[in-house]
N, C-alpha and C. Protein backbone atom coordinates (compact mmCIF):
# COMPACT_ATOMS: atom_id res chain seq x y z
N UNK A 1 0.85 -1.18 0.00
CA UNK A 1 0.00 0.00 0.00
C UNK A 1 0.90 1.24 0.00
N UNK A 2 0.60 2.16 -0.88
CA UNK A 2 1.42 3.36 -0.96
C UNK A 2 1.13 4.31 0.20
N UNK A 3 2.08 5.15 0.49
CA UNK A 3 1.96 6.07 1.61
C UNK A 3 0.76 7.00 1.47
N UNK A 4 0.45 7.45 0.26
CA UNK A 4 -0.68 8.37 0.07
C UNK A 4 -2.00 7.66 0.37
N UNK A 5 -2.08 6.38 0.02
CA UNK A 5 -3.30 5.62 0.32
C UNK A 5 -3.46 5.42 1.82
N UNK A 6 -2.37 5.18 2.50
CA UNK A 6 -2.40 5.02 3.96
C UNK A 6 -2.88 6.32 4.60
N UNK A 7 -2.35 7.44 4.15
CA UNK A 7 -2.74 8.74 4.70
C UNK A 7 -4.22 9.03 4.42
N UNK A 8 -4.69 8.71 3.21
CA UNK A 8 -6.10 8.93 2.88
C UNK A 8 -7.02 8.07 3.74
N UNK A 9 -6.64 6.82 3.94
CA UNK A 9 -7.44 5.92 4.77
C UNK A 9 -7.48 6.42 6.21
N UNK A 10 -6.33 6.83 6.72
CA UNK A 10 -6.26 7.35 8.08
C UNK A 10 -7.14 8.59 8.22
N UNK A 11 -7.07 9.47 7.26
CA UNK A 11 -7.88 10.68 7.27
C UNK A 11 -9.37 10.34 7.22
N UNK A 12 -9.74 9.39 6.37
CA UNK A 12 -11.15 8.97 6.28
C UNK A 12 -11.64 8.38 7.59
N UNK A 13 -10.81 7.59 8.25
CA UNK A 13 -11.20 6.99 9.52
C UNK A 13 -11.37 8.06 10.61
N UNK A 14 -10.48 9.02 10.65
CA UNK A 14 -10.59 10.09 11.64
C UNK A 14 -11.84 10.92 11.40
N UNK A 15 -12.10 11.26 10.15
CA UNK A 15 -13.30 12.02 9.80
C UNK A 15 -14.55 11.24 10.18
N UNK A 16 -14.56 9.95 9.89
CA UNK A 16 -15.71 9.10 10.22
C UNK A 16 -15.91 9.03 11.73
N UNK A 17 -14.82 8.90 12.47
CA UNK A 17 -14.90 8.86 13.93
C UNK A 17 -15.53 10.13 14.48
N UNK A 18 -15.04 11.26 14.03
CA UNK A 18 -15.57 12.54 14.51
C UNK A 18 -17.04 12.70 14.14
N UNK A 19 -17.41 12.25 12.97
CA UNK A 19 -18.80 12.31 12.53
C UNK A 19 -19.68 11.42 13.41
N UNK A 20 -19.20 10.23 13.71
CA UNK A 20 -19.96 9.30 14.56
C UNK A 20 -20.13 9.85 15.97
N UNK A 21 -19.11 10.55 16.45
CA UNK A 21 -19.18 11.10 17.81
C UNK A 21 -20.19 12.24 17.92
N UNK A 22 -20.62 12.79 16.80
CA UNK A 22 -21.67 13.80 16.84
C UNK A 22 -23.02 13.17 17.17
N UNK A 23 -23.18 11.88 16.83
CA UNK A 23 -24.45 11.18 17.03
C UNK A 23 -24.48 10.29 18.26
N UNK A 24 -23.32 9.77 18.66
CA UNK A 24 -23.26 8.82 19.76
C UNK A 24 -22.12 9.18 20.70
N UNK A 25 -22.24 8.70 21.95
CA UNK A 25 -21.12 8.88 22.87
C UNK A 25 -20.07 7.83 22.56
N UNK A 26 -18.88 8.03 23.06
CA UNK A 26 -17.78 7.11 22.81
C UNK A 26 -18.10 5.71 23.35
N UNK A 27 -18.93 5.63 24.39
CA UNK A 27 -19.28 4.35 24.99
C UNK A 27 -20.29 3.58 24.14
N UNK A 28 -21.05 4.27 23.32
CA UNK A 28 -22.05 3.63 22.46
C UNK A 28 -21.48 3.28 21.09
N UNK A 29 -20.35 3.84 20.76
CA UNK A 29 -19.77 3.70 19.43
C UNK A 29 -19.19 2.32 19.20
N UNK A 30 -19.40 1.80 18.00
CA UNK A 30 -18.86 0.50 17.61
C UNK A 30 -17.92 0.69 16.41
N UNK A 31 -16.97 -0.22 16.28
CA UNK A 31 -16.03 -0.16 15.16
C UNK A 31 -16.81 -0.17 13.85
N UNK A 32 -17.86 -0.98 13.78
CA UNK A 32 -18.67 -1.08 12.56
C UNK A 32 -19.24 0.28 12.16
N UNK A 33 -19.64 1.08 13.12
CA UNK A 33 -20.15 2.42 12.82
C UNK A 33 -19.09 3.25 12.09
N UNK A 34 -17.87 3.17 12.57
CA UNK A 34 -16.78 3.97 12.00
C UNK A 34 -16.40 3.47 10.61
N UNK A 35 -16.22 2.16 10.47
CA UNK A 35 -15.78 1.65 9.17
C UNK A 35 -16.86 1.79 8.11
N UNK A 36 -18.12 1.67 8.50
CA UNK A 36 -19.20 1.87 7.53
C UNK A 36 -19.18 3.30 7.01
N UNK A 37 -19.01 4.24 7.91
CA UNK A 37 -18.99 5.65 7.52
C UNK A 37 -17.74 5.99 6.71
N UNK A 38 -16.61 5.36 7.05
CA UNK A 38 -15.35 5.63 6.36
C UNK A 38 -15.25 4.88 5.03
N UNK A 39 -16.05 3.83 4.88
CA UNK A 39 -16.01 3.05 3.65
C UNK A 39 -14.80 2.14 3.55
N UNK A 40 -14.36 1.62 4.69
CA UNK A 40 -13.23 0.68 4.70
C UNK A 40 -13.68 -0.64 5.32
N UNK A 41 -12.85 -1.66 5.14
CA UNK A 41 -13.19 -2.98 5.68
C UNK A 41 -12.68 -3.12 7.11
N UNK A 42 -13.16 -4.15 7.78
CA UNK A 42 -12.70 -4.43 9.14
C UNK A 42 -11.20 -4.72 9.16
N UNK A 43 -10.72 -5.41 8.14
CA UNK A 43 -9.29 -5.73 8.07
C UNK A 43 -8.44 -4.47 7.95
N UNK A 44 -8.95 -3.47 7.25
CA UNK A 44 -8.22 -2.21 7.12
C UNK A 44 -8.14 -1.50 8.45
N UNK A 45 -9.24 -1.55 9.21
CA UNK A 45 -9.29 -0.89 10.50
C UNK A 45 -8.26 -1.50 11.42
C-alpha cells in the first residue's frame, strides 16, 4: 500500500470517527459504525 493511500485511509477513519461522535457517545460507538462511515473494511481498520 502506498503512503498516500495510507494517509487517505487514516484521514477517512478520523473524519468518520468525529462524525460518529456527533451522534453517539464514545461508549455507544462501535467499530462497525466507524468503518461503515469511512467506507473501509474491518481488516483495514
